[in-house]
Amino acid sequence: MKSKDAIIKQIRDSSILIAWICGILFFGILIWSLTSSLRADFLMNSINQALISMNDRRRLEAAINPLPRRPFTSRSYLSSWFSIAGEEDIFIFFTLIADGVFLPCGAIAGSDGRVKELIPISSRGQRILNNISPGILRLYIRRIEGEL
């Protein structure tokens, strides 16, 4: 049977370990939330470079923080939203997962809340996008339109 001092020492050591883990998590969450605009700018620049390499005339202008249309609902946004320079459409960046491959994609959504076009953002993206079944593409399009 352990003595009272040994039990107190074990509880204290466990508390210190838990405090360290909580502190590291808190610091990570704080850094993640404070750098969201910086991460959005890096993502926007990368997407613009990909659009330039694909000879696409569209350029992303600024990150958009979408607001839910329905109050008091919990909605998790699965993408990053950007405005397109010179257009009223919205560019939505998301990752499509097909056959174990992560495919960075963009969707152009109009002001009516409908997806107009899916754009793969990689060199082999169009080839992969053509091989994906239409049912999976419709599933992703419905999820995107559900967020609009």
N, C-alpha and C. Protein backbone atom coordinates (compact mmCIF):
# COMPACT_ATOMS: atom_id res chain seq x y z
N MET A 1 0.84 -1.17 0.00
CA MET A 1 0.00 0.00 0.00
C MET A 1 0.89 1.24 0.00
N LYS A 2 0.50 2.22 -0.87
CA LYS A 2 1.29 3.43 -0.99
C LYS A 2 1.02 4.36 0.18
N SER A 3 2.05 5.10 0.48
CA SER A 3 1.88 6.08 1.55
C SER A 3 1.17 7.31 1.01
N LYS A 4 0.72 8.15 1.90
CA LYS A 4 -0.01 9.35 1.53
C LYS A 4 0.87 10.29 0.72
N ASP A 5 2.15 10.41 1.05
CA ASP A 5 3.07 11.29 0.32
C ASP A 5 3.29 10.81 -1.11
N ALA A 6 3.36 9.50 -1.31
CA ALA A 6 3.56 8.95 -2.66
C ALA A 6 2.35 9.23 -3.54
N ILE A 7 1.16 9.13 -2.97
CA ILE A 7 -0.06 9.39 -3.73
C ILE A 7 -0.14 10.87 -4.11
N ILE A 8 0.17 11.74 -3.18
CA ILE A 8 0.15 13.18 -3.45
C ILE A 8 1.17 13.54 -4.52
N LYS A 9 2.36 12.94 -4.46
CA LYS A 9 3.40 13.20 -5.46
C LYS A 9 2.93 12.73 -6.84
N GLN A 10 2.28 11.58 -6.92
CA GLN A 10 1.79 11.06 -8.20
C GLN A 10 0.69 11.97 -8.76
N ILE A 11 -0.21 12.44 -7.92
CA ILE A 11 -1.28 13.34 -8.36
C ILE A 11 -0.68 14.65 -8.85
N ARG A 12 0.33 15.18 -8.11
CA ARG A 12 0.98 16.43 -8.51
C ARG A 12 1.68 16.26 -9.85
N ASP A 13 2.39 15.17 -10.06
CA ASP A 13 3.08 14.94 -11.32
C ASP A 13 2.10 14.79 -12.48
N SER A 14 1.01 14.10 -12.23
CA SER A 14 -0.02 13.96 -13.26
C SER A 14 -0.65 15.30 -13.60
N SER A 15 -0.88 16.13 -12.60
CA SER A 15 -1.45 17.46 -12.81
C SER A 15 -0.51 18.33 -13.63
N ILE A 16 0.77 18.25 -13.35
CA ILE A 16 1.75 19.04 -14.11
C ILE A 16 1.77 18.60 -15.56
N LEU A 17 1.73 17.30 -15.80
CA LEU A 17 1.72 16.79 -17.17
C LEU A 17 0.47 17.25 -17.91
N ILE A 18 -0.68 17.17 -17.27
CA ILE A 18 -1.93 17.61 -17.89
C ILE A 18 -1.90 19.11 -18.16
N ALA A 19 -1.33 19.89 -17.25
CA ALA A 19 -1.21 21.33 -17.44
C ALA A 19 -0.31 21.65 -18.64
N TRP A 20 0.79 20.93 -18.80
CA TRP A 20 1.68 21.12 -19.95
C TRP A 20 0.93 20.83 -21.25
N ILE A 21 0.21 19.73 -21.30
CA ILE A 21 -0.53 19.36 -22.51
C ILE A 21 -1.59 20.42 -22.83
N CYS A 22 -2.32 20.87 -21.82
CA CYS A 22 -3.34 21.92 -22.02
C CYS A 22 -2.69 23.22 -22.48
N GLY A 23 -1.56 23.57 -21.94
CA GLY A 23 -0.85 24.78 -22.33
C GLY A 23 -0.39 24.73 -23.78
N ILE A 24 0.14 23.58 -24.18
CA ILE A 24 0.59 23.43 -25.57
C ILE A 24 -0.60 23.50 -26.52
N LEU A 25 -1.70 22.85 -26.18
CA LEU A 25 -2.90 22.92 -27.02
C LEU A 25 -3.44 24.34 -27.10
N PHE A 26 -3.49 25.03 -25.97
CA PHE A 26 -3.97 26.41 -25.96
C PHE A 26 -3.10 27.30 -26.82
N PHE A 27 -1.78 27.15 -26.71
CA PHE A 27 -0.85 27.96 -27.51
C PHE A 27 -1.01 27.65 -28.99
N GLY A 28 -1.17 26.38 -29.35
CA GLY A 28 -1.37 26.01 -30.75
C GLY A 28 -2.66 26.57 -31.32
N ILE A 29 -3.74 26.49 -30.56
CA ILE A 29 -5.02 27.03 -31.01
C ILE A 29 -4.94 28.55 -31.16
N LEU A 30 -4.27 29.20 -30.23
CA LEU A 30 -4.11 30.65 -30.30
C LEU A 30 -3.33 31.06 -31.55
N ILE A 31 -2.22 30.39 -31.81
CA ILE A 31 -1.42 30.70 -33.00
C ILE A 31 -2.23 30.42 -34.26
N TRP A 32 -2.95 29.30 -34.30
CA TRP A 32 -3.75 28.94 -35.47
C TRP A 32 -4.80 30.00 -35.76
N SER A 33 -5.47 30.49 -34.73
CA SER A 33 -6.54 31.47 -34.95
C SER A 33 -5.97 32.85 -35.29
N LEU A 34 -4.83 33.22 -34.71
CA LEU A 34 -4.27 34.54 -34.98
C LEU A 34 -3.61 34.64 -36.36
N THR A 35 -3.25 33.52 -36.95
CA THR A 35 -2.60 33.55 -38.26
C THR A 35 -3.53 33.19 -39.39
N SER A 36 -4.83 33.20 -39.17
CA SER A 36 -5.77 32.80 -40.22
C SER A 36 -5.70 33.72 -41.44
N SER A 37 -5.58 35.01 -41.24
CA SER A 37 -5.50 35.92 -42.40
C SER A 37 -4.19 35.72 -43.16
N LEU A 38 -3.10 35.46 -42.46
CA LEU A 38 -1.83 35.20 -43.12
C LEU A 38 -1.90 33.91 -43.94
N ARG A 39 -2.49 32.87 -43.37
CA ARG A 39 -2.64 31.62 -44.10
C ARG A 39 -3.54 31.79 -45.31
N ALA A 40 -4.60 32.60 -45.20
CA ALA A 40 -5.49 32.86 -46.33
C ALA A 40 -4.75 33.60 -47.44
N ASP A 41 -3.88 34.55 -47.08
CA ASP A 41 -3.10 35.27 -48.10
C ASP A 41 -2.13 34.34 -48.81
N PHE A 42 -1.45 33.46 -48.08
CA PHE A 42 -0.55 32.49 -48.72
C PHE A 42 -1.33 31.56 -49.66
N LEU A 43 -2.49 31.10 -49.22
CA LEU A 43 -3.31 30.23 -50.05
C LEU A 43 -3.78 30.97 -51.30
N MET A 44 -4.20 32.22 -51.15
CA MET A 44 -4.66 33.01 -52.28
C MET A 44 -3.53 33.21 -53.30
N ASN A 45 -2.32 33.51 -52.81
CA ASN A 45 -1.19 33.68 -53.73
C ASN A 45 -0.86 32.38 -54.46
N SER A 46 -0.93 31.26 -53.76
CA SER A 46 -0.65 29.97 -54.39
C SER A 46 -1.70 29.64 -55.46
N ILE A 47 -2.95 29.92 -55.16
CA ILE A 47 -4.01 29.65 -56.14
C ILE A 47 -3.85 30.57 -57.34
N ASN A 48 -3.51 31.83 -57.12
CA ASN A 48 -3.28 32.75 -58.24
C ASN A 48 -2.13 32.27 -59.12
N GLN A 49 -1.06 31.76 -58.51
CA GLN A 49 0.05 31.23 -59.29
C GLN A 49 -0.39 30.02 -60.11
N ALA A 50 -1.23 29.17 -59.54
CA ALA A 50 -1.73 28.01 -60.27
C ALA A 50 -2.64 28.45 -61.42
N LEU A 51 -3.47 29.46 -61.20
CA LEU A 51 -4.33 29.98 -62.27
C LEU A 51 -3.49 30.58 -63.39
N ILE A 52 -2.41 31.26 -63.05
CA ILE A 52 -1.51 31.83 -64.06
C ILE A 52 -0.88 30.71 -64.87
N SER A 53 -0.43 29.65 -64.22
CA SER A 53 0.21 28.55 -64.94
C SER A 53 -0.77 27.80 -65.83
N MET A 54 -2.07 27.85 -65.51
CA MET A 54 -3.09 27.20 -66.34
C MET A 54 -3.64 28.14 -67.40
N ASN A 55 -3.06 29.35 -67.52
CA ASN A 55 -3.50 30.38 -68.47
C ASN A 55 -4.96 30.76 -68.26
N ASP A 56 -5.38 30.81 -67.02
CA ASP A 56 -6.73 31.24 -66.67
C ASP A 56 -6.68 32.74 -66.40
N ARG A 57 -7.64 33.47 -66.88
CA ARG A 57 -7.63 34.93 -66.74
C ARG A 57 -8.09 35.40 -65.36
N ARG A 58 -8.77 34.55 -64.61
CA ARG A 58 -9.30 34.96 -63.32
C ARG A 58 -8.20 35.05 -62.27
N ARG A 59 -8.35 36.02 -61.36
CA ARG A 59 -7.42 36.19 -60.24
C ARG A 59 -8.24 36.40 -58.97
N LEU A 60 -7.77 35.81 -57.90
CA LEU A 60 -8.44 35.98 -56.61
C LEU A 60 -8.02 37.32 -56.03
N GLU A 61 -8.97 37.97 -55.37
CA GLU A 61 -8.72 39.31 -54.89
C GLU A 61 -8.54 39.37 -53.38
N ALA A 62 -9.44 38.76 -52.64
CA ALA A 62 -9.39 38.84 -51.18
C ALA A 62 -10.13 37.67 -50.57
N ALA A 63 -9.74 37.32 -49.36
CA ALA A 63 -10.43 36.26 -48.63
C ALA A 63 -11.75 36.79 -48.10
N ILE A 64 -12.73 35.92 -48.08
CA ILE A 64 -14.06 36.28 -47.58
C ILE A 64 -14.33 35.42 -46.35
N ASN A 65 -14.84 36.03 -45.30
CA ASN A 65 -15.30 35.28 -44.13
C ASN A 65 -16.81 35.12 -44.27
N PRO A 66 -17.26 33.93 -44.69
CA PRO A 66 -18.69 33.76 -44.93
C PRO A 66 -19.48 33.79 -43.63
N LEU A 67 -20.61 34.44 -43.70
CA LEU A 67 -21.51 34.51 -42.55
C LEU A 67 -22.70 33.60 -42.81
N PRO A 68 -23.13 32.85 -41.82
CA PRO A 68 -24.29 31.99 -42.02
C PRO A 68 -25.54 32.82 -42.27
N ARG A 69 -26.35 32.36 -43.18
CA ARG A 69 -27.60 33.07 -43.48
C ARG A 69 -28.65 32.82 -42.40
N ARG A 70 -28.56 31.66 -41.78
CA ARG A 70 -29.52 31.32 -40.73
C ARG A 70 -28.85 31.52 -39.38
N PRO A 71 -29.41 32.38 -38.52
CA PRO A 71 -28.78 32.57 -37.22
C PRO A 71 -28.98 31.36 -36.32
N PHE A 72 -28.11 31.23 -35.36
CA PHE A 72 -28.17 30.20 -34.33
C PHE A 72 -28.03 28.78 -34.90
N THR A 73 -27.32 28.64 -35.99
CA THR A 73 -27.04 27.30 -36.51
C THR A 73 -25.54 27.09 -36.47
N SER A 74 -25.14 25.89 -36.17
CA SER A 74 -23.71 25.59 -36.16
C SER A 74 -23.35 24.97 -37.49
N ARG A 75 -22.56 25.68 -38.27
CA ARG A 75 -22.16 25.20 -39.58
C ARG A 75 -20.64 25.20 -39.63
N SER A 76 -20.07 24.12 -40.07
CA SER A 76 -18.61 24.07 -40.19
C SER A 76 -18.27 24.28 -41.65
N TYR A 77 -17.47 25.28 -41.92
CA TYR A 77 -17.08 25.57 -43.29
C TYR A 77 -15.92 24.67 -43.67
N LEU A 78 -16.11 23.95 -44.76
CA LEU A 78 -15.14 22.96 -45.20
C LEU A 78 -14.19 23.53 -46.25
N SER A 79 -14.16 24.83 -46.41
CA SER A 79 -13.41 25.41 -47.50
C SER A 79 -12.95 26.81 -47.14
N SER A 80 -12.21 27.41 -48.08
CA SER A 80 -11.81 28.81 -47.98
C SER A 80 -12.49 29.56 -49.10
N TRP A 81 -12.99 30.74 -48.81
CA TRP A 81 -13.75 31.50 -49.78
C TRP A 81 -12.96 32.75 -50.18
N PHE A 82 -12.99 33.07 -51.47
CA PHE A 82 -12.28 34.23 -51.99
C PHE A 82 -13.16 34.96 -52.99
N SER A 83 -12.96 36.28 -53.08
CA SER A 83 -13.63 37.04 -54.13
C SER A 83 -12.74 37.02 -55.37
N ILE A 84 -13.38 37.12 -56.53
CA ILE A 84 -12.65 37.12 -57.80
C ILE A 84 -12.59 38.55 -58.30
N ALA A 85 -11.40 38.97 -58.73
CA ALA A 85 -11.20 40.35 -59.19
C ALA A 85 -12.06 40.62 -60.42
N GLY A 86 -12.85 41.69 -60.35
CA GLY A 86 -13.66 42.11 -61.48
C GLY A 86 -14.94 41.31 -61.68
N GLU A 87 -15.27 40.41 -60.80
CA GLU A 87 -16.49 39.61 -60.94
C GLU A 87 -17.23 39.59 -59.61
N GLU A 88 -18.50 39.26 -59.68
CA GLU A 88 -19.29 39.14 -58.46
C GLU A 88 -19.35 37.71 -57.95
N ASP A 89 -18.75 36.80 -58.69
CA ASP A 89 -18.75 35.40 -58.29
C ASP A 89 -17.80 35.17 -57.13
N ILE A 90 -17.95 34.02 -56.49
CA ILE A 90 -17.11 33.63 -55.35
C ILE A 90 -16.31 32.40 -55.75
N PHE A 91 -15.04 32.38 -55.36
CA PHE A 91 -14.19 31.22 -55.58
C PHE A 91 -14.08 30.49 -54.25
N ILE A 92 -14.42 29.21 -54.27
CA ILE A 92 -14.40 28.39 -53.06
C ILE A 92 -13.32 27.33 -53.23
N PHE A 93 -12.31 27.35 -52.37
CA PHE A 93 -11.23 26.37 -52.43
C PHE A 93 -11.56 25.22 -51.49
N PHE A 94 -11.41 24.00 -51.97
CA PHE A 94 -11.65 22.82 -51.15
C PHE A 94 -10.77 21.69 -51.67
N THR A 95 -10.70 20.61 -50.94
CA THR A 95 -9.93 19.45 -51.35
C THR A 95 -10.87 18.30 -51.63
N LEU A 96 -10.78 17.80 -52.84
CA LEU A 96 -11.59 16.66 -53.26
C LEU A 96 -10.74 15.40 -53.06
N ILE A 97 -11.31 14.38 -52.49
CA ILE A 97 -10.59 13.14 -52.24
C ILE A 97 -11.17 12.07 -53.16
N ALA A 98 -10.32 11.56 -54.05
CA ALA A 98 -10.77 10.54 -54.99
C ALA A 98 -9.70 9.47 -55.14
N ASP A 99 -10.09 8.23 -54.93
CA ASP A 99 -9.19 7.09 -55.08
C ASP A 99 -7.92 7.24 -54.26
N GLY A 100 -8.04 7.80 -53.08
CA GLY A 100 -6.89 7.96 -52.20
C GLY A 100 -5.98 9.11 -52.56
N VAL A 101 -6.40 9.96 -53.49
CA VAL A 101 -5.61 11.10 -53.92
C VAL A 101 -6.32 12.38 -53.48
N PHE A 102 -5.57 13.26 -52.85
CA PHE A 102 -6.11 14.57 -52.48
C PHE A 102 -5.94 15.51 -53.66
N LEU A 103 -7.04 16.06 -54.15
CA LEU A 103 -7.01 16.93 -55.31
C LEU A 103 -7.48 18.32 -54.90
N PRO A 104 -6.58 19.30 -54.89
CA PRO A 104 -7.03 20.66 -54.58
C PRO A 104 -7.87 21.19 -55.73
N CYS A 105 -9.05 21.68 -55.39
CA CYS A 105 -9.99 22.17 -56.40
C CYS A 105 -10.55 23.52 -55.99
N GLY A 106 -11.12 24.18 -56.96
CA GLY A 106 -11.84 25.40 -56.72
C GLY A 106 -13.19 25.31 -57.39
N ALA A 107 -14.15 25.98 -56.83
CA ALA A 107 -15.48 26.03 -57.42
C ALA A 107 -15.86 27.49 -57.57
N ILE A 108 -16.37 27.83 -58.73
CA ILE A 108 -16.87 29.18 -58.96
C ILE A 108 -18.36 29.15 -58.69
N ALA A 109 -18.80 29.95 -57.74
CA ALA A 109 -20.22 30.01 -57.38
C ALA A 109 -20.75 31.39 -57.70
N GLY A 110 -21.92 31.41 -58.29
CA GLY A 110 -22.55 32.67 -58.65
C GLY A 110 -23.31 33.27 -57.48
N SER A 111 -23.87 34.43 -57.72
CA SER A 111 -24.61 35.12 -56.66
C SER A 111 -25.92 34.40 -56.34
N ASP A 112 -26.36 33.51 -57.23
CA ASP A 112 -27.59 32.76 -56.98
C ASP A 112 -27.36 31.55 -56.09
N GLY A 113 -26.11 31.29 -55.69
CA GLY A 113 -25.81 30.18 -54.79
C GLY A 113 -25.60 28.86 -55.50
N ARG A 114 -25.43 28.87 -56.81
CA ARG A 114 -25.21 27.66 -57.58
C ARG A 114 -23.75 27.60 -58.03
N VAL A 115 -23.19 26.39 -58.06
CA VAL A 115 -21.82 26.21 -58.53
C VAL A 115 -21.84 26.22 -60.05
N LYS A 116 -21.01 27.11 -60.63
CA LYS A 116 -20.95 27.24 -62.08
C LYS A 116 -19.90 26.32 -62.69
N GLU A 117 -18.77 26.18 -61.99
CA GLU A 117 -17.65 25.47 -62.58
C GLU A 117 -16.74 24.91 -61.50
N LEU A 118 -16.20 23.72 -61.73
CA LEU A 118 -15.17 23.14 -60.86
C LEU A 118 -13.83 23.28 -61.58
N ILE A 119 -12.84 23.78 -60.85
CA ILE A 119 -11.52 23.99 -61.43
C ILE A 119 -10.50 23.21 -60.61
N PRO A 120 -9.81 22.24 -61.22
CA PRO A 120 -8.73 21.56 -60.49
C PRO A 120 -7.51 22.48 -60.43
N ILE A 121 -6.84 22.49 -59.27
CA ILE A 121 -5.69 23.37 -59.08
C ILE A 121 -4.45 22.51 -58.90
N SER A 122 -4.07 21.86 -59.96
CA SER A 122 -2.82 21.11 -59.98
C SER A 122 -2.53 20.72 -61.42
N SER A 123 -1.33 20.28 -61.67
CA SER A 123 -0.95 19.94 -63.04
C SER A 123 -1.70 18.70 -63.55
N ARG A 124 -1.95 17.73 -62.71
CA ARG A 124 -2.63 16.53 -63.14
C ARG A 124 -4.10 16.51 -62.73
N GLY A 125 -4.59 17.63 -62.26
CA GLY A 125 -5.94 17.70 -61.72
C GLY A 125 -7.04 17.45 -62.72
N GLN A 126 -6.93 17.99 -63.93
CA GLN A 126 -8.00 17.81 -64.92
C GLN A 126 -8.13 16.35 -65.31
N ARG A 127 -7.01 15.65 -65.43
CA ARG A 127 -7.04 14.23 -65.77
C ARG A 127 -7.74 13.42 -64.67
N ILE A 128 -7.42 13.74 -63.42
CA ILE A 128 -8.06 13.04 -62.29
C ILE A 128 -9.54 13.41 -62.20
N LEU A 129 -9.85 14.68 -62.43
CA LEU A 129 -11.24 15.14 -62.33
C LEU A 129 -12.10 14.46 -63.39
N ASN A 130 -11.54 14.18 -64.57
CA ASN A 130 -12.31 13.50 -65.62
C ASN A 130 -12.59 12.04 -65.26
N ASN A 131 -11.76 11.44 -64.41
CA ASN A 131 -11.94 10.04 -64.04
C ASN A 131 -12.86 9.84 -62.83
N ILE A 132 -13.24 10.90 -62.17
CA ILE A 132 -14.11 10.80 -60.99
C ILE A 132 -15.55 10.65 -61.46
N SER A 133 -16.29 9.80 -60.79
CA SER A 133 -17.68 9.57 -61.20
C SER A 133 -18.52 10.82 -60.98
N PRO A 134 -19.50 11.03 -61.86
CA PRO A 134 -20.36 12.21 -61.72
C PRO A 134 -21.12 12.25 -60.40
N GLY A 135 -21.42 11.09 -59.83
CA GLY A 135 -22.13 11.06 -58.55
C GLY A 135 -21.31 11.68 -57.42
N ILE A 136 -20.02 11.40 -57.40
CA ILE A 136 -19.15 11.99 -56.37
C ILE A 136 -19.03 13.49 -56.58
N LEU A 137 -18.91 13.91 -57.84
CA LEU A 137 -18.82 15.35 -58.12
C LEU A 137 -20.11 16.05 -57.70
N ARG A 138 -21.26 15.44 -57.96
CA ARG A 138 -22.53 16.04 -57.54
C ARG A 138 -22.61 16.13 -56.02
N LEU A 139 -22.05 15.12 -55.32
CA LEU A 139 -22.04 15.15 -53.85
C LEU A 139 -21.24 16.36 -53.35
N TYR A 140 -20.07 16.58 -53.91
CA TYR A 140 -19.27 17.74 -53.50
C TYR A 140 -19.97 19.05 -53.86
N ILE A 141 -20.58 19.11 -55.02
CA ILE A 141 -21.28 20.32 -55.45
C ILE A 141 -22.45 20.61 -54.51
N ARG A 142 -23.20 19.58 -54.12
CA ARG A 142 -24.31 19.78 -53.17
C ARG A 142 -23.82 20.29 -51.83
N ARG A 143 -22.68 19.76 -51.36
CA ARG A 143 -22.13 20.22 -50.08
C ARG A 143 -21.71 21.68 -50.18
N ILE A 144 -21.10 22.06 -51.29
CA ILE A 144 -20.68 23.46 -51.46
C ILE A 144 -21.91 24.36 -51.53
N GLU A 145 -22.90 23.97 -52.32
CA GLU A 145 -24.11 24.80 -52.44
C GLU A 145 -24.87 24.86 -51.12
N GLY A 146 -24.73 23.86 -50.28
CA GLY A 146 -25.36 23.88 -48.97
C GLY A 146 -24.74 24.91 -48.05
N GLU A 147 -23.48 25.25 -48.30
CA GLU A 147 -22.81 26.27 -47.48
C GLU A 147 -23.11 27.68 -47.95
N LEU A 148 -23.59 27.82 -49.18
CA LEU A 148 -23.83 29.16 -49.73
C LEU A 148 -25.12 29.75 -49.22
